[in-house]
């Protein structure tokens, strides 16, 4: 995290990092993989198709809605875990941007405020005096640049936000508001790790978790994915900008930010409904925070890459 990012994150995080949730392919469910395509362990085949992106009922950043023709791709079942990231660091000697900066962004649940904590990193996301991150939880305190380095080492890349939403919707343009359905609580069971109570003053932790939770603990979506809403925000490849300018030339500036998707354990629906399939967040690419992680994508061998996605109205 740079000094620019350190200043920016206090503003960005105040509303859960940058949030202001028809026609299409048939819903896809896990298990249908075309002949000749090998799905690596820990990944899911996501069929291509046309998907509506955005929501007319969501935040202004989710409008105007549009349709995108998305090529098939492979997506990690769950966000990269602490154990996964440790293996990467052990093999490469990689040092994250937060580690190089010496501090990172932490939300204090007692005071209800954000602050820079010296020594906070992916190993101890809440700071050196807090317990180490559990191996089966999503890795956090990793910047966009850190995520790109990990995915590249694995022969993968970050998903575009169109790919992310396509996967979350399971190919259904008219699908539910969440990746798993239309309700956060089903038969008394929470379907995602989010904030319960009144943000930022009180979190009842009715879902069983105050901070991150083990990947997959809340079950799978129809596509066979986990943690596609809540737990941690997830970095996407794209620069954040209005949908109305998506086809216009763009040159990143010093203040430009990258897209994050999925919401987190800090999202109170009354403040930050970030775990809807259409919701968008954003943060600077060098920023590490305790509620942002990532997952990777792999192109289907012989198929078009993410850059081949076509956008229509």
Protein backbone atom coordinates (compact mmCIF):
# COMPACT_ATOMS: atom_id res chain seq x y z
CA UNK A 1 0.00 0.00 0.00
CA UNK A 2 1.48 3.34 -1.06
CA UNK A 3 1.03 6.61 0.83
CA UNK A 4 -1.48 7.68 -1.83
CA UNK A 5 -3.45 4.51 -1.23
CA UNK A 6 -3.15 4.91 2.54
CA UNK A 7 -4.92 8.27 2.29
CA UNK A 8 -7.46 7.05 -0.25
CA UNK A 9 -8.59 3.94 1.59
CA UNK A 10 -10.02 5.90 4.53
CA UNK A 11 -12.50 7.51 2.16
CA UNK A 12 -13.10 4.45 0.02
CA UNK A 13 -13.71 2.14 2.96
CA UNK A 14 -16.27 4.33 4.69
CA UNK A 15 -19.04 2.80 2.56
CA UNK A 16 -17.54 -0.66 2.14
CA UNK A 17 -15.02 0.49 -0.46
CA UNK A 18 -16.59 2.49 -3.18
CA UNK A 19 -20.23 1.44 -3.46
CA UNK A 20 -22.50 4.53 -4.08
CA UNK A 21 -26.86 -5.47 -7.02
CA UNK A 22 -34.73 -11.32 -20.22
CA UNK A 23 -32.62 -12.30 -22.91
CA UNK A 24 -29.66 -14.50 -22.19
CA UNK A 25 -28.34 -18.01 -22.21
CA UNK A 26 -30.06 -20.71 -20.24
CA UNK A 27 -28.99 -20.98 -16.62
CA UNK A 28 -25.89 -23.12 -16.38
CA UNK A 29 -25.30 -25.63 -13.63
CA UNK A 30 -22.19 -27.51 -12.72
CA UNK A 31 -21.57 -30.72 -14.57
CA UNK A 32 -21.97 -29.81 -18.25
CA UNK A 33 -18.49 -29.58 -19.77
CA UNK A 34 -17.95 -29.90 -23.54
CA UNK A 35 -15.82 -32.78 -24.77
CA UNK A 36 -12.13 -31.97 -25.01
CA UNK A 37 -12.10 -29.39 -22.22
CA UNK A 38 -10.11 -30.36 -19.15
CA UNK A 39 -11.17 -28.63 -15.96
CA UNK A 40 -8.27 -28.39 -13.48
CA UNK A 41 -8.84 -29.34 -9.88
CA UNK A 42 -10.28 -26.45 -7.91
CA UNK A 43 -11.87 -24.77 -10.93
CA UNK A 44 -15.32 -24.73 -12.54
CA UNK A 45 -16.22 -24.52 -16.22
CA UNK A 46 -18.38 -21.45 -16.90
CA UNK A 47 -20.21 -21.69 -20.25
CA UNK A 48 -20.21 -18.62 -22.45
CA UNK A 49 -23.30 -16.75 -23.51
CA UNK A 50 -25.09 -13.43 -23.41
CA UNK A 51 -25.70 -11.89 -19.99
CA UNK A 52 -27.29 -8.69 -18.82
CA UNK A 53 -24.80 -6.67 -16.79
CA UNK A 54 -25.86 -4.18 -14.14
CA UNK A 55 -29.17 -3.34 -12.52
CA UNK A 56 -31.69 -0.55 -12.99
CA UNK A 57 -32.66 -0.95 -9.33
CA UNK A 58 -29.13 -0.79 -7.92
CA UNK A 59 -26.63 1.98 -7.27
CA UNK A 60 -25.95 4.57 -10.02
CA UNK A 61 -22.66 2.80 -10.80
CA UNK A 62 -24.68 -0.23 -11.96
CA UNK A 63 -26.46 1.75 -14.68
CA UNK A 64 -27.09 1.78 -17.56
CA UNK A 65 -27.52 -1.95 -17.91
CA UNK A 66 -26.20 -3.63 -21.04
CA UNK A 67 -25.76 -7.08 -22.54
CA UNK A 68 -22.39 -8.75 -22.97
CA UNK A 69 -21.48 -11.79 -25.07
CA UNK A 70 -19.05 -13.70 -22.86
CA UNK A 71 -16.68 -16.46 -23.97
CA UNK A 72 -16.50 -19.64 -21.89
CA UNK A 73 -13.84 -19.70 -19.17
CA UNK A 74 -12.63 -21.57 -16.10
CA UNK A 75 -13.04 -19.95 -12.69
CA UNK A 76 -11.61 -20.86 -9.30
CA UNK A 77 -14.23 -22.54 -7.12
CA UNK A 78 -13.39 -20.25 -4.22
CA UNK A 79 -11.20 -17.24 -3.46
CA UNK A 80 -7.49 -17.88 -3.05
CA UNK A 81 -6.88 -19.02 0.52
CA UNK A 82 -4.18 -18.09 2.99
CA UNK A 83 -2.62 -21.55 2.49
CA UNK A 84 -2.65 -21.08 -1.30
CA UNK A 85 -0.95 -17.71 -1.01
CA UNK A 86 1.62 -19.00 1.46
CA UNK A 87 2.67 -21.69 -1.01
CA UNK A 88 3.10 -18.99 -3.65
CA UNK A 89 5.23 -16.87 -1.29
CA UNK A 90 7.32 -19.85 -0.19
CA UNK A 91 8.01 -20.78 -3.82
CA UNK A 92 8.81 -17.29 -5.08
CA UNK A 93 9.87 -15.15 -2.13
CA UNK A 94 7.17 -12.65 -3.09
CA UNK A 95 6.65 -9.66 -0.78
CA UNK A 96 3.26 -7.94 -0.90
CA UNK A 97 2.81 -4.20 -1.27
CA UNK A 98 1.42 -3.90 2.27
CA UNK A 99 4.50 -5.69 3.61
CA UNK A 100 6.76 -3.32 1.70
CA UNK A 101 4.81 -0.29 2.91
CA UNK A 102 4.84 -1.58 6.49
CA UNK A 103 1.16 -1.02 7.25
CA UNK A 104 -2.28 -1.78 5.89
CA UNK A 105 -5.96 -0.91 6.32
CA UNK A 106 -7.86 -2.46 9.23
CA UNK A 107 -11.42 -1.86 10.39
CA UNK A 108 -11.75 -1.74 14.18
CA UNK A 109 -15.08 -3.35 15.04
CA UNK A 110 -15.00 -1.84 18.53
CA UNK A 111 -14.61 1.77 17.44
CA UNK A 112 -16.37 1.34 14.11
CA UNK A 113 -13.60 3.07 12.22
CA UNK A 114 -10.79 2.39 9.76
CA UNK A 115 -7.12 2.99 10.39
CA UNK A 116 -3.67 2.09 9.19
CA UNK A 117 -2.13 -0.62 11.37
CA UNK A 118 1.62 -1.08 11.33
CA UNK A 119 2.58 -4.65 10.51
CA UNK A 120 -0.84 -5.69 9.22
CA UNK A 121 -0.38 -8.02 6.25
CA UNK A 122 -1.77 -11.16 4.66
CA UNK A 123 -0.16 -13.19 7.45
CA UNK A 124 -1.89 -11.22 10.23
CA UNK A 125 -4.63 -9.12 8.58
CA UNK A 126 -5.68 -7.37 11.79
CA UNK A 127 -2.13 -6.52 12.82
CA UNK A 128 0.86 -8.20 14.51
CA UNK A 129 -0.90 -8.41 17.90
CA UNK A 130 -3.85 -10.32 16.43
CA UNK A 131 -3.98 -14.04 15.63
CA UNK A 132 -2.53 -15.22 12.29
CA UNK A 133 -4.87 -15.71 9.35
CA UNK A 134 -6.38 -19.19 9.20
CA UNK A 135 -5.22 -21.34 6.30
CA UNK A 136 -8.72 -22.08 5.00
CA UNK A 137 -9.86 -18.45 4.98
CA UNK A 138 -9.53 -16.21 1.92
CA UNK A 139 -6.25 -14.33 1.81
CA UNK A 140 -6.66 -10.59 2.38
CA UNK A 141 -4.40 -7.53 2.65
CA UNK A 142 -3.34 -8.22 -0.93
CA UNK A 143 -3.34 -5.49 -3.54
CA UNK A 144 -4.53 -5.80 -7.13
CA UNK A 145 -0.88 -6.01 -8.16
CA UNK A 146 -0.28 -8.82 -5.65
CA UNK A 147 -3.30 -10.70 -7.02
CA UNK A 148 -2.06 -10.32 -10.60
CA UNK A 149 1.35 -11.69 -9.59
CA UNK A 150 -0.25 -14.74 -7.96
CA UNK A 151 -2.56 -15.49 -10.87
CA UNK A 152 0.24 -15.07 -13.40
CA UNK A 153 2.43 -17.53 -11.51
CA UNK A 154 -0.45 -20.03 -11.61
CA UNK A 155 -0.89 -19.58 -15.37
CA UNK A 156 -4.15 -17.72 -14.80
CA UNK A 157 -5.41 -14.14 -14.64
CA UNK A 158 -7.96 -12.04 -12.80
CA UNK A 159 -11.54 -12.19 -14.10
CA UNK A 160 -13.05 -9.23 -15.84
CA UNK A 161 -16.03 -7.81 -14.00
CA UNK A 162 -18.28 -8.97 -16.83
CA UNK A 163 -16.99 -12.52 -16.39
CA UNK A 164 -17.45 -12.24 -12.63
CA UNK A 165 -21.07 -11.12 -12.95
CA UNK A 166 -21.77 -13.68 -15.69
CA UNK A 167 -20.57 -16.44 -13.36
CA UNK A 168 -22.46 -15.03 -10.37
CA UNK A 169 -25.68 -14.92 -12.40
CA UNK A 170 -25.11 -18.50 -13.62
CA UNK A 171 -25.85 -17.27 -17.12
CA UNK A 172 -29.30 -15.93 -16.19
CA UNK A 173 -30.00 -12.35 -17.20
CA UNK A 174 -33.27 -12.50 -15.28
CA UNK A 175 -31.74 -14.34 -12.35
CA UNK A 176 -31.96 -13.63 -8.62
CA UNK A 177 -30.27 -10.72 -6.89
CA UNK A 178 -27.68 -12.95 -5.19
CA UNK A 179 -25.55 -15.73 -6.65
CA UNK A 180 -27.44 -18.30 -4.57
CA UNK A 181 -31.00 -16.91 -4.77
CA UNK A 182 -33.17 -13.98 -3.72
CA UNK A 183 -32.86 -14.11 0.07
CA UNK A 184 -29.92 -13.65 2.43
CA UNK A 185 -31.54 -15.92 5.02
CA UNK A 186 -33.23 -19.17 3.95
CA UNK A 187 -35.06 -21.30 6.53
CA UNK A 188 -33.16 -19.53 9.30
CA UNK A 189 -29.77 -20.12 7.67
CA UNK A 190 -27.56 -17.30 6.47
CA UNK A 191 -26.35 -17.82 2.91
CA UNK A 192 -23.32 -15.50 3.11
CA UNK A 193 -20.91 -13.86 5.52
CA UNK A 194 -22.12 -10.27 5.85
CA UNK A 195 -22.74 -7.68 8.57
CA UNK A 196 -25.75 -8.19 10.84
CA UNK A 197 -26.89 -5.41 13.13
CA UNK A 198 -26.21 -1.76 12.45
CA UNK A 199 -23.01 -0.79 10.65
CA UNK A 200 -20.62 0.37 11.98
CA UNK A 201 -21.76 0.42 15.61
CA UNK A 202 -23.02 -3.11 16.20
CA UNK A 203 -22.50 -6.49 14.58
CA UNK A 204 -24.49 -9.33 16.09
CA UNK A 205 -22.53 -11.90 14.05
CA UNK A 206 -25.74 -13.90 13.66
CA UNK A 207 -24.15 -15.68 10.71
CA UNK A 208 -21.41 -16.99 13.01
CA UNK A 209 -18.55 -14.76 11.85
CA UNK A 210 -17.23 -11.32 12.76
CA UNK A 211 -14.40 -11.33 10.23
CA UNK A 212 -13.64 -13.69 7.32
CA UNK A 213 -14.97 -17.24 7.27
CA UNK A 214 -13.54 -20.44 5.77
CA UNK A 215 -14.09 -20.60 2.02
CA UNK A 216 -17.11 -22.68 1.10
CA UNK A 217 -18.71 -22.72 4.54
CA UNK A 218 -21.91 -21.13 3.21
CA UNK A 219 -22.35 -23.61 0.38
CA UNK A 220 -22.19 -23.50 -3.42
CA UNK A 221 -24.04 -21.63 -6.13
CA UNK A 222 -25.80 -23.48 -8.99
CA UNK A 223 -22.54 -23.12 -10.96
CA UNK A 224 -20.56 -24.89 -8.24
CA UNK A 225 -18.86 -21.74 -6.92
CA UNK A 226 -18.52 -20.55 -3.35
CA UNK A 227 -18.15 -17.12 -1.77
CA UNK A 228 -19.68 -15.25 -4.72
CA UNK A 229 -21.28 -12.87 -2.25
CA UNK A 230 -19.98 -11.74 1.13
CA UNK A 231 -16.84 -12.86 2.99
CA UNK A 232 -14.37 -10.78 0.92
CA UNK A 233 -14.50 -8.39 -1.99
CA UNK A 234 -12.64 -9.78 -5.00
CA UNK A 235 -10.32 -7.95 -7.36
CA UNK A 236 -11.25 -7.84 -11.05
CA UNK A 237 -9.05 -6.97 -13.99
CA UNK A 238 -10.92 -3.83 -15.05
CA UNK A 239 -10.36 -0.19 -14.30
CA UNK A 240 -13.43 1.24 -12.59
CA UNK A 241 -15.43 3.69 -14.67
CA UNK A 242 -19.07 4.37 -15.57
CA UNK A 243 -20.76 1.78 -17.78
CA UNK A 244 -21.78 4.58 -20.12
CA UNK A 245 -18.07 5.04 -20.94
CA UNK A 246 -17.17 1.36 -21.21
CA UNK A 247 -16.42 1.55 -24.95
CA UNK A 248 -14.60 4.88 -24.82
CA UNK A 249 -10.77 5.11 -24.89
CA UNK A 250 -9.32 5.15 -21.39
CA UNK A 251 -5.91 6.07 -20.03
CA UNK A 252 -5.44 5.37 -16.29
CA UNK A 253 -4.44 8.31 -14.12
CA UNK A 254 -2.82 8.44 -10.70
CA UNK A 255 -6.22 8.34 -8.98
CA UNK A 256 -7.70 5.56 -11.16
CA UNK A 257 -9.06 2.53 -9.37
CA UNK A 258 -9.70 -1.14 -10.09
CA UNK A 259 -13.04 -2.91 -9.80
CA UNK A 260 -13.85 -5.17 -6.88
CA UNK A 261 -16.88 -7.46 -6.77
CA UNK A 262 -18.81 -9.61 -4.31
CA UNK A 263 -19.09 -7.59 -1.12
CA UNK A 264 -17.64 -8.64 2.23
CA UNK A 265 -18.24 -9.45 5.87
CA UNK A 266 -18.46 -5.68 6.47
CA UNK A 267 -21.44 -5.20 4.15
CA UNK A 268 -24.63 -4.14 5.90
CA UNK A 269 -27.37 -4.12 3.23
CA UNK A 270 -28.59 -0.74 4.49
CA UNK A 271 -25.16 0.79 3.88
CA UNK A 272 -23.31 -1.48 1.48
CA UNK A 273 -25.37 -4.05 -0.39
CA UNK A 274 -22.23 -5.21 -2.15
CA UNK A 275 -23.03 -8.91 -2.20
CA UNK A 276 -25.66 -8.56 -4.92
CA UNK A 277 -24.57 -9.99 -8.29
CA UNK A 278 -24.59 -6.57 -9.96
CA UNK A 279 -22.95 -4.52 -7.19
CA UNK A 280 -19.61 -2.83 -7.89
CA UNK A 281 -16.87 -1.54 -5.65
CA UNK A 282 -13.49 0.00 -6.39
CA UNK A 283 -10.09 0.63 -4.85
CA UNK A 284 -6.62 1.72 -5.91
CA UNK A 285 -4.51 -1.12 -7.36
CA UNK A 286 -1.77 -0.85 -4.72
CA UNK A 287 -4.16 -0.96 -1.75
CA UNK A 288 -4.35 -3.86 0.67
CA UNK A 289 -7.36 -4.12 3.00
CA UNK A 290 -8.61 -6.70 5.47
CA UNK A 291 -11.76 -7.44 3.44
CA UNK A 292 -10.43 -7.70 -0.12
CA UNK A 293 -9.20 -10.95 -1.67
CA UNK A 294 -9.37 -12.46 -5.15
CA UNK A 295 -9.88 -15.55 -7.29
CA UNK A 296 -8.38 -16.42 -10.66
CA UNK A 297 -9.62 -17.30 -14.14
CA UNK A 298 -8.16 -19.49 -16.85
CA UNK A 299 -9.08 -19.22 -20.51
CA UNK A 300 -10.55 -22.29 -22.16
CA UNK A 301 -7.84 -23.78 -24.36
CA UNK A 302 -8.36 -22.81 -27.97
CA UNK A 303 -11.14 -20.36 -27.15
CA UNK A 304 -11.22 -16.57 -27.25
CA UNK A 305 -9.70 -14.67 -24.34
CA UNK A 306 -11.51 -12.22 -22.13
CA UNK A 307 -10.70 -9.35 -24.48
CA UNK A 308 -13.01 -10.94 -27.06
CA UNK A 309 -16.16 -10.21 -25.03
CA UNK A 310 -18.61 -8.09 -27.05
CA UNK A 311 -20.91 -5.50 -25.54
CA UNK A 312 -24.36 -4.65 -26.87
CA UNK A 313 -27.22 -2.54 -25.60
